Amino acid sequence: MNFALYRELLAVGPIRRLLLVGIIARIPHAAGGVLLTLHIVLTLGQGYAAAAAGAAAAVMTIGIAVGAPWRGRRVDTVGLRRALVPSVISETVIWSIVPHVSYELLLPLVFVGGLLTLPIFSVVRQSLGVLATGEQRRTAFALDAITTEMVFMIGPAAGAIVATAGFSVLGLTVIGVATSVSGLFLMWFNPPTRSAVPAAGPLEGTEVAIVAAAPAHLREVASGPAPLAASAGERRERRSGLRHRVLHSFSWFTAAVAAVFAVAAGAGMILSGTDVGIVAALEGGSHQAEIGLVFLFWCGASVVGGILYGAMHRPVPPLLLLLGMSALTIPMAFAADTWTLSLLSLLPGLLCAPVLSAASEKVAELVDERRRGEAMGWYGSALTGGIALGAPLAGLFIDVVSPPAGFVAVGAAGVALCLAGLMLQHRRRRRLAPAD
């Protein structure tokens, strides 16, 4: 392991500034979900229960998942500054209105807020993929995962304190303004989202695909306005051209990229399911006041794991890391008290940041940087989708069986996902291997 990589990485000014902006911009995001939930339950009142608050959080999550690929594609096509303008405006406007409306109006507002949210997570990952290369890239993504873990240790706690103190209206407004200010700072800093394109050089990868796609477009342009009664052959050609453009726009989405997205979804499922399982296990024993202790062990282990992974010389396949995290989550079901639950959370926690770091690094490696913003957006959507799935999956088994069953459910689901992925990879390698 080479821990000097961290010193070398942080000595690079643009990377240091990018990570700092990422921390500042992510804290409002981390606090927002808890603050919105407690605002609905505590401030709106009027019979709104946790289910209503959960529905609002789900609506916002759907908005984020739907908007992330589009936001990433805008970064690829028009550049970072122009792509962030809608987010900078909407964050302040929407989150200044949300605290003052009824629950019925709040739902569409938080959906639009999620749709137009500042794409800080994907932008930071995309820019790190450009600014860092070689071993530095692994360290950079590990450091990003570590800082994200620390943000989610601070943000939700801060949001809960503000809401329980009776300042949820002010808190939601501040979150919107702070996120917009972070977006403005990001626009001013304008970190690179792609490398400088050389003036001349051999055509590679995506460039070849673009050149191959050109004749279809040129034929359409050269043909001029379509006649009123187009022939069947011309209609088939137009349909073929449209299909070609759609396929070309997703040419980056290979089987290897799909596997990484599956890892992201699995990691999100494990994380949110474990989160719910910890809360349920301690509430069942009337130890709610000790929830923070378990989260301290779990998140602290993730930080340590991220530091160790970032100092490694060789990458570890994200699918294997997820398999380990999933399998090590299952023994948390055997915890007898708060301290045993805390200790059992250490091993899966150690693999949390490495899984996310390895997956981000793999996306940056597999996808050409011209399309990496969209790919990182889809990666974020996969992670968000997994988070949305994990909580209800664990909750179902907690309600039907017992609190420990939540850990078993998400852990076993993660193991099954990884084993299926490894089997498919093995079959694909055998099919592609040359015949003896």
Protein backbone atom coordinates (compact mmCIF):
# COMPACT_ATOMS: atom_id res chain seq x y z
CA MET A 1 0.00 0.00 0.00
CA ASN A 2 1.16 3.51 -0.79
CA PHE A 3 -0.40 6.14 1.48
CA ALA A 4 1.84 8.79 -0.11
CA LEU A 5 -0.67 8.77 -2.98
CA TYR A 6 -3.03 10.82 -0.82
CA ARG A 7 -0.37 13.50 -0.24
CA GLU A 8 0.45 13.62 -3.96
CA LEU A 9 -3.23 13.82 -4.89
CA LEU A 10 -4.10 16.60 -2.45
CA ALA A 11 -1.08 18.57 -3.66
CA VAL A 12 -2.90 19.02 -7.00
CA GLY A 13 -4.83 22.28 -6.64
CA PRO A 14 -7.80 21.53 -8.96
CA ILE A 15 -8.41 18.14 -7.32
CA ARG A 16 -8.20 19.66 -3.84
CA ARG A 17 -10.68 22.42 -4.76
CA LEU A 18 -13.03 19.93 -6.44
CA LEU A 19 -13.17 17.69 -3.36
CA LEU A 20 -13.72 20.71 -1.10
CA VAL A 21 -16.59 22.01 -3.25
CA GLY A 22 -18.01 18.48 -3.32
CA ILE A 23 -18.06 18.30 0.48
CA ILE A 24 -19.72 21.72 0.84
CA ALA A 25 -22.33 21.05 -1.84
CA ARG A 26 -23.21 17.56 -0.58
CA ILE A 27 -23.98 18.53 3.01
CA PRO A 28 -27.30 20.25 2.06
CA HIS A 29 -28.25 17.17 -0.02
CA ALA A 30 -27.45 14.87 2.90
CA ALA A 31 -29.48 16.97 5.33
CA GLY A 32 -32.40 17.57 2.95
CA GLY A 33 -34.06 14.15 3.12
CA VAL A 34 -34.19 14.02 6.92
CA LEU A 35 -35.25 17.66 7.16
CA LEU A 36 -38.07 17.17 4.64
CA THR A 37 -39.30 14.06 6.45
CA LEU A 38 -39.35 15.75 9.86
CA HIS A 39 -40.91 18.90 8.40
CA ILE A 40 -43.88 16.86 7.18
CA VAL A 41 -44.26 14.94 10.43
CA LEU A 42 -43.53 17.71 12.95
CA THR A 43 -44.34 21.01 11.23
CA LEU A 44 -47.18 20.18 8.85
CA GLY A 45 -48.71 17.86 11.43
CA GLN A 46 -52.43 17.53 10.75
CA GLY A 47 -52.30 13.76 10.95
CA TYR A 48 -49.42 13.27 8.52
CA ALA A 49 -47.53 10.18 9.64
CA ALA A 50 -44.23 8.66 8.69
CA ALA A 51 -45.86 7.00 5.67
CA ALA A 52 -46.71 10.39 4.17
CA ALA A 53 -43.19 11.60 4.84
CA GLY A 54 -41.78 8.45 3.27
CA ALA A 55 -43.95 8.98 0.18
CA ALA A 56 -42.57 12.51 -0.23
CA ALA A 57 -38.99 11.23 0.11
CA ALA A 58 -39.78 8.52 -2.47
CA VAL A 59 -41.20 11.10 -4.91
CA MET A 60 -38.06 13.22 -4.56
CA THR A 61 -35.88 10.11 -5.02
CA ILE A 62 -37.74 9.23 -8.23
CA GLY A 63 -37.17 12.77 -9.49
CA ILE A 64 -33.44 12.49 -8.78
CA ALA A 65 -33.21 9.07 -10.47
CA VAL A 66 -35.07 10.28 -13.57
CA GLY A 67 -33.15 13.54 -13.85
CA ALA A 68 -29.60 12.29 -13.25
CA PRO A 69 -28.93 10.81 -16.74
CA TRP A 70 -30.44 13.86 -18.45
CA ARG A 71 -28.39 16.23 -16.29
CA GLY A 72 -25.24 14.24 -17.07
CA ARG A 73 -25.98 14.28 -20.80
CA ARG A 74 -26.41 18.07 -20.67
CA VAL A 75 -22.94 18.35 -19.12
CA ASP A 76 -21.57 16.26 -22.01
CA THR A 77 -23.32 18.23 -24.74
CA VAL A 78 -23.39 21.90 -23.63
CA GLY A 79 -20.66 22.05 -20.98
CA LEU A 80 -20.76 22.30 -17.21
CA ARG A 81 -21.67 25.95 -16.79
CA ARG A 82 -24.72 25.97 -19.08
CA ALA A 83 -25.86 22.58 -17.73
CA LEU A 84 -25.91 23.87 -14.13
CA VAL A 85 -28.01 27.00 -14.79
CA PRO A 86 -31.43 25.27 -14.31
CA SER A 87 -30.23 23.69 -11.06
CA VAL A 88 -28.84 26.92 -9.64
CA ILE A 89 -32.16 28.69 -10.26
CA SER A 90 -34.50 25.87 -9.25
CA GLU A 91 -32.76 24.93 -5.99
CA THR A 92 -33.39 28.34 -4.41
CA VAL A 93 -36.86 28.84 -5.92
CA ILE A 94 -38.31 25.40 -5.16
CA TRP A 95 -36.87 24.90 -1.69
CA SER A 96 -37.96 28.39 -0.67
CA ILE A 97 -41.55 27.51 -1.64
CA VAL A 98 -41.72 23.92 -0.33
CA PRO A 99 -41.87 24.83 3.41
CA HIS A 100 -44.86 27.14 2.88
CA VAL A 101 -47.25 24.89 0.93
CA SER A 102 -49.61 22.07 1.82
CA TYR A 103 -48.67 18.42 1.53
CA GLU A 104 -50.64 18.05 -1.71
CA LEU A 105 -48.64 20.84 -3.40
CA LEU A 106 -45.41 19.74 -1.79
CA LEU A 107 -45.31 16.41 -3.65
CA PRO A 108 -45.03 17.79 -7.23
CA LEU A 109 -42.61 20.46 -6.03
CA VAL A 110 -40.19 17.96 -4.50
CA PHE A 111 -40.40 15.83 -7.66
CA VAL A 112 -39.35 18.81 -9.80
CA GLY A 113 -36.74 19.66 -7.17
CA GLY A 114 -35.31 16.15 -7.49
CA LEU A 115 -35.47 16.31 -11.29
CA LEU A 116 -33.46 19.55 -11.39
CA THR A 117 -31.23 18.90 -8.38
CA LEU A 118 -27.61 20.02 -8.61
CA PRO A 119 -25.75 16.99 -10.10
CA ILE A 120 -22.86 17.39 -7.68
CA PHE A 121 -22.20 13.66 -7.23
CA SER A 122 -21.89 12.85 -10.94
CA VAL A 123 -19.98 16.06 -11.75
CA VAL A 124 -17.37 15.40 -9.06
CA ARG A 125 -16.88 11.81 -10.22
CA GLN A 126 -16.74 12.82 -13.87
CA SER A 127 -14.17 15.55 -13.23
CA LEU A 128 -12.05 13.31 -11.01
CA GLY A 129 -11.93 10.82 -13.89
CA VAL A 130 -10.34 13.56 -16.02
CA LEU A 131 -8.06 15.19 -13.44
CA ALA A 132 -6.65 11.94 -12.02
CA THR A 133 -5.04 9.12 -13.98
CA GLY A 134 -3.43 5.77 -13.21
CA GLU A 135 -3.13 4.90 -9.52
CA GLN A 136 -4.14 8.46 -8.67
CA ARG A 137 -7.60 7.81 -10.09
CA ARG A 138 -8.22 4.96 -7.64
CA THR A 139 -7.06 7.14 -4.76
CA ALA A 140 -9.19 10.05 -5.99
CA PHE A 141 -12.38 7.97 -6.14
CA ALA A 142 -11.58 6.45 -2.76
CA LEU A 143 -11.13 9.92 -1.28
CA ASP A 144 -14.43 10.98 -2.87
CA ALA A 145 -16.17 7.98 -1.29
CA ILE A 146 -14.58 8.79 2.08
CA THR A 147 -15.68 12.43 2.01
CA THR A 148 -19.18 11.36 0.94
CA GLU A 149 -19.32 8.99 3.90
CA MET A 150 -18.30 11.80 6.24
CA VAL A 151 -20.89 14.12 4.72
CA PHE A 152 -23.63 11.56 5.38
CA MET A 153 -22.45 11.26 8.96
CA ILE A 154 -22.84 15.04 9.41
CA GLY A 155 -25.74 16.02 7.15
CA PRO A 156 -28.64 13.90 8.46
CA ALA A 157 -27.68 14.64 12.08
CA ALA A 158 -27.61 18.38 11.34
CA GLY A 159 -30.99 18.17 9.57
CA ALA A 160 -32.54 16.31 12.51
CA ILE A 161 -31.24 18.90 14.99
CA VAL A 162 -32.63 21.80 12.95
CA ALA A 163 -36.04 20.15 12.47
CA THR A 164 -36.51 19.04 16.08
CA ALA A 165 -35.57 22.56 17.21
CA GLY A 166 -38.57 23.85 15.22
CA PHE A 167 -36.67 25.50 12.37
CA SER A 168 -37.56 23.17 9.49
CA VAL A 169 -39.03 26.02 7.38
CA LEU A 170 -35.84 28.05 7.68
CA GLY A 171 -33.71 24.92 7.28
CA LEU A 172 -35.27 23.88 3.96
CA THR A 173 -34.87 27.41 2.61
CA VAL A 174 -31.23 27.53 3.68
CA ILE A 175 -30.63 24.16 1.99
CA GLY A 176 -31.93 25.51 -1.32
CA VAL A 177 -29.89 28.72 -1.13
CA ALA A 178 -26.73 26.88 0.00
CA THR A 179 -27.04 24.41 -2.88
CA SER A 180 -27.47 27.24 -5.40
CA VAL A 181 -24.42 29.02 -3.99
CA SER A 182 -22.47 25.77 -4.30
CA GLY A 183 -23.61 25.51 -7.93
CA LEU A 184 -22.45 29.07 -8.62
CA PHE A 185 -19.07 28.30 -7.09
CA LEU A 186 -18.86 25.15 -9.22
CA MET A 187 -19.65 27.22 -12.33
CA TRP A 188 -16.94 29.73 -11.39
CA PHE A 189 -14.41 26.98 -10.67
CA ASN A 190 -15.56 25.09 -13.81
CA PRO A 191 -13.64 21.81 -13.28
CA PRO A 192 -12.86 19.96 -16.52
CA THR A 193 -15.30 17.25 -17.55
CA ARG A 194 -13.19 16.08 -20.49
CA SER A 195 -9.56 16.23 -21.51
CA ALA A 196 -8.26 18.68 -24.06
CA VAL A 197 -8.95 17.26 -27.53
CA PRO A 198 -5.78 17.03 -29.64
CA ALA A 199 -5.74 19.01 -32.89
CA ALA A 200 -4.96 15.93 -34.96
CA GLY A 201 -4.51 12.27 -34.36
CA PRO A 202 -5.78 8.83 -35.22
CA LEU A 203 -9.48 8.13 -34.88
CA GLU A 204 -10.24 5.96 -31.87
CA GLY A 205 -13.19 4.38 -30.14
CA THR A 206 -16.06 6.84 -30.09
CA GLU A 207 -14.64 8.95 -32.92
CA VAL A 208 -14.87 5.96 -35.25
CA ALA A 209 -18.49 5.41 -34.19
CA ILE A 210 -19.30 9.07 -34.87
CA VAL A 211 -17.74 8.97 -38.32
CA ALA A 212 -19.58 5.73 -39.09
CA ALA A 213 -22.85 7.35 -38.08
CA ALA A 214 -22.34 10.44 -40.25
CA PRO A 215 -23.57 9.17 -43.65
CA ALA A 216 -27.12 8.55 -42.40
CA HIS A 217 -27.38 12.14 -41.18
CA LEU A 218 -25.80 13.51 -44.34
CA ARG A 219 -28.29 11.61 -46.48
CA GLU A 220 -31.18 13.11 -44.53
CA VAL A 221 -29.79 16.64 -44.84
CA ALA A 222 -28.96 16.26 -48.53
CA SER A 223 -32.41 14.97 -49.37
CA GLY A 224 -34.03 18.28 -48.38
CA PRO A 225 -37.70 18.49 -47.28
CA ALA A 226 -39.49 15.15 -47.51
CA PRO A 227 -42.17 14.94 -50.16
CA LEU A 228 -45.77 14.80 -49.03
CA ALA A 229 -46.15 11.25 -50.26
CA ALA A 230 -42.91 9.58 -49.26
CA SER A 231 -42.28 6.13 -50.62
CA ALA A 232 -42.26 3.09 -48.36
CA GLY A 233 -38.52 2.73 -48.92
CA GLU A 234 -37.87 6.28 -47.78
CA ARG A 235 -40.01 5.78 -44.68
CA ARG A 236 -38.08 2.61 -43.84
CA GLU A 237 -34.82 4.49 -44.32
CA ARG A 238 -35.94 7.26 -41.94
CA ARG A 239 -37.00 4.71 -39.33
CA SER A 240 -33.67 2.93 -39.76
CA GLY A 241 -31.84 6.24 -39.35
CA LEU A 242 -33.74 7.00 -36.14
CA ARG A 243 -33.03 3.53 -34.78
CA HIS A 244 -29.37 3.95 -35.68
CA ARG A 245 -29.18 7.28 -33.84
CA VAL A 246 -30.84 5.81 -30.73
CA LEU A 247 -28.47 2.84 -30.71
CA HIS A 248 -25.51 5.11 -31.31
CA SER A 249 -26.50 7.37 -28.40
CA PHE A 250 -26.24 4.34 -26.09
CA SER A 251 -23.19 2.78 -27.74
CA TRP A 252 -21.29 3.28 -24.46
CA PHE A 253 -23.72 0.97 -22.61
CA THR A 254 -21.90 -2.36 -22.81
CA ALA A 255 -22.33 -5.53 -20.78
CA ALA A 256 -19.42 -4.48 -18.55
CA VAL A 257 -21.04 -1.10 -17.84
CA ALA A 258 -24.36 -2.81 -17.09
CA ALA A 259 -22.56 -5.01 -14.55
CA VAL A 260 -21.15 -1.93 -12.81
CA PHE A 261 -24.62 -0.38 -12.66
CA ALA A 262 -25.91 -3.61 -11.12
CA VAL A 263 -23.17 -3.34 -8.48
CA ALA A 264 -24.23 0.26 -7.77
CA ALA A 265 -27.85 -0.82 -7.37
CA GLY A 266 -26.82 -3.70 -5.13
CA ALA A 267 -24.67 -1.44 -2.97
CA GLY A 268 -27.53 1.03 -2.58
CA MET A 269 -29.87 -1.81 -1.60
CA ILE A 270 -27.45 -3.12 1.05
CA LEU A 271 -26.81 0.33 2.50
CA SER A 272 -30.44 1.41 2.81
CA GLY A 273 -31.55 -2.03 4.01
CA THR A 274 -28.83 -2.08 6.67
CA ASP A 275 -29.80 1.44 7.70
CA VAL A 276 -33.41 0.36 8.27
CA GLY A 277 -32.29 -2.86 9.96
CA ILE A 278 -30.12 -1.03 12.49
CA VAL A 279 -32.94 1.33 13.43
CA ALA A 280 -35.46 -1.52 13.73
CA ALA A 281 -33.12 -3.73 15.78
CA LEU A 282 -32.45 -1.01 18.34
CA GLU A 283 -36.04 0.25 18.47
CA GLY A 284 -37.21 -3.32 19.12
CA GLY A 285 -35.04 -3.42 22.22
CA SER A 286 -35.92 0.14 23.28
CA HIS A 287 -32.36 1.32 22.61
CA GLN A 288 -33.20 4.17 20.21
CA ALA A 289 -30.78 6.51 21.97
CA GLU A 290 -27.89 4.22 20.97
CA ILE A 291 -28.55 4.29 17.20
CA GLY A 292 -25.84 6.90 16.72
CA LEU A 293 -23.23 4.60 18.29
CA VAL A 294 -23.87 1.84 15.75
CA PHE A 295 -23.80 4.30 12.87
CA LEU A 296 -20.51 5.68 14.19
CA PHE A 297 -18.93 2.20 14.05
CA TRP A 298 -20.47 1.37 10.66
CA CYS A 299 -19.60 4.65 8.92
CA GLY A 300 -16.22 4.89 10.64
CA ALA A 301 -15.31 1.46 9.30
CA SER A 302 -16.29 2.61 5.81
CA VAL A 303 -13.92 5.58 6.08
CA VAL A 304 -11.07 3.29 7.18
CA GLY A 305 -11.85 0.84 4.36
CA GLY A 306 -11.86 3.67 1.82
CA ILE A 307 -8.46 4.92 3.02
CA LEU A 308 -6.96 1.42 2.75
CA TYR A 309 -8.46 0.79 -0.69
CA GLY A 310 -7.23 4.12 -2.04
CA ALA A 311 -3.66 3.21 -1.05
CA MET A 312 -3.73 -0.16 -2.84
CA HIS A 313 -1.63 -0.74 -5.94
CA ARG A 314 -4.17 -2.94 -7.72
CA PRO A 315 -7.92 -2.56 -8.16
CA VAL A 316 -10.36 -5.15 -6.84
CA PRO A 317 -13.38 -6.02 -9.02
CA PRO A 318 -16.42 -4.17 -7.64
CA LEU A 319 -18.55 -7.31 -7.94
CA LEU A 320 -16.26 -9.19 -5.53
CA LEU A 321 -16.26 -6.28 -3.08
CA LEU A 322 -20.07 -6.19 -3.16
CA LEU A 323 -20.20 -9.97 -2.63
CA GLY A 324 -18.08 -9.57 0.49
CA MET A 325 -20.14 -6.67 1.82
CA SER A 326 -23.40 -8.57 1.20
CA ALA A 327 -22.21 -11.78 2.88
CA LEU A 328 -20.81 -9.90 5.88
CA THR A 329 -24.10 -8.03 6.37
CA ILE A 330 -25.98 -11.27 7.17
CA PRO A 331 -24.21 -11.94 10.53
CA MET A 332 -25.54 -8.60 11.83
CA ALA A 333 -28.80 -10.52 12.37
CA PHE A 334 -27.14 -12.40 15.25
CA ALA A 335 -26.40 -9.27 17.32
CA ALA A 336 -27.61 -9.59 20.91
CA ASP A 337 -27.20 -5.97 21.98
CA THR A 338 -25.96 -2.57 20.83
CA TRP A 339 -22.27 -3.39 21.27
CA THR A 340 -22.38 -6.67 19.34
CA LEU A 341 -24.36 -4.94 16.57
CA SER A 342 -21.72 -2.21 16.45
CA LEU A 343 -18.89 -4.72 16.23
CA LEU A 344 -20.66 -6.85 13.61
CA SER A 345 -21.19 -3.73 11.48
CA LEU A 346 -17.43 -3.18 11.20
CA LEU A 347 -16.70 -5.84 8.57
CA PRO A 348 -19.41 -4.89 6.04
CA GLY A 349 -18.67 -1.24 6.79
CA LEU A 350 -15.03 -1.72 5.80
CA LEU A 351 -16.15 -2.64 2.27
CA CYS A 352 -18.74 0.13 1.79
CA ALA A 353 -16.50 2.94 0.51
CA PRO A 354 -14.31 0.52 -1.51
CA VAL A 355 -17.37 -0.81 -3.38
CA LEU A 356 -18.49 2.67 -4.40
CA SER A 357 -14.94 3.76 -5.18
CA ALA A 358 -14.22 0.70 -7.34
CA ALA A 359 -17.53 1.07 -9.21
CA SER A 360 -16.91 4.77 -9.97
CA GLU A 361 -13.38 3.97 -11.14
CA LYS A 362 -14.71 1.22 -13.40
CA VAL A 363 -17.26 3.55 -15.06
CA ALA A 364 -14.50 6.10 -15.70
CA GLU A 365 -12.36 3.34 -17.21
CA LEU A 366 -15.07 1.81 -19.43
CA VAL A 367 -16.86 4.89 -20.79
CA ASP A 368 -15.29 7.43 -23.12
CA GLU A 369 -15.15 10.84 -21.45
CA ARG A 370 -17.33 12.35 -24.18
CA ARG A 371 -20.23 10.30 -22.78
CA ARG A 372 -19.04 9.93 -19.20
CA GLY A 373 -21.38 12.57 -17.76
CA GLU A 374 -24.45 10.67 -18.95
CA ALA A 375 -22.91 7.39 -17.78
CA MET A 376 -22.23 8.82 -14.33
CA GLY A 377 -25.82 10.05 -14.27
CA TRP A 378 -27.11 6.54 -14.99
CA TYR A 379 -24.70 5.20 -12.36
CA GLY A 380 -26.24 7.61 -9.84
CA SER A 381 -29.72 6.51 -10.89
CA ALA A 382 -28.78 2.86 -10.37
CA LEU A 383 -27.45 3.65 -6.91
CA THR A 384 -30.59 5.65 -6.10
CA GLY A 385 -32.81 2.85 -7.38
CA GLY A 386 -31.02 0.36 -5.14
CA ILE A 387 -31.46 2.65 -2.15
CA ALA A 388 -35.17 2.94 -2.94
CA LEU A 389 -35.47 -0.87 -3.12
CA GLY A 390 -33.42 -1.80 -0.05
CA ALA A 391 -35.47 0.04 2.59
CA PRO A 392 -38.86 -1.53 1.71
CA LEU A 393 -37.28 -4.97 1.19
CA ALA A 394 -35.74 -4.91 4.66
CA GLY A 395 -38.90 -3.36 6.10
CA LEU A 396 -41.07 -6.15 4.68
CA PHE A 397 -39.02 -8.89 6.33
CA ILE A 398 -38.76 -6.88 9.57
CA ASP A 399 -42.56 -6.58 9.73
CA VAL A 400 -43.36 -10.14 8.65
CA VAL A 401 -40.56 -12.03 10.42
CA SER A 402 -38.45 -10.02 12.89
CA PRO A 403 -35.95 -7.10 12.93
CA PRO A 404 -32.90 -9.37 12.37
CA ALA A 405 -34.54 -10.73 9.21
CA GLY A 406 -33.98 -7.36 7.53
CA PHE A 407 -30.20 -7.92 7.53
CA VAL A 408 -30.62 -11.45 6.18
CA ALA A 409 -32.98 -10.31 3.41
CA VAL A 410 -30.78 -7.57 1.93
CA GLY A 411 -27.57 -9.55 2.51
CA ALA A 412 -28.92 -12.65 0.79
CA ALA A 413 -30.33 -10.56 -2.08
CA GLY A 414 -26.90 -8.96 -2.55
CA VAL A 415 -25.16 -12.34 -2.52
CA ALA A 416 -27.64 -13.70 -5.09
CA LEU A 417 -27.09 -10.67 -7.33
CA CYS A 418 -23.30 -11.08 -7.17
CA LEU A 419 -23.37 -14.82 -7.81
CA ALA A 420 -25.63 -14.29 -10.82
CA GLY A 421 -23.27 -11.61 -12.09
CA LEU A 422 -20.21 -13.84 -11.65
CA MET A 423 -21.96 -16.70 -13.49
CA LEU A 424 -22.87 -14.41 -16.39
CA GLN A 425 -19.30 -13.08 -16.55
CA HIS A 426 -17.95 -16.64 -16.62
CA ARG A 427 -20.33 -17.65 -19.41
CA ARG A 428 -19.45 -14.52 -21.39
CA ARG A 429 -15.69 -15.19 -21.06
CA ARG A 430 -16.18 -18.79 -22.24
CA ARG A 431 -18.25 -17.63 -25.23
CA LEU A 432 -15.70 -15.00 -26.22
CA ALA A 433 -12.67 -17.25 -25.66
CA PRO A 434 -11.09 -18.50 -28.91
CA ALA A 435 -11.71 -22.14 -29.70
CA ASP A 436 -8.80 -24.46 -28.95
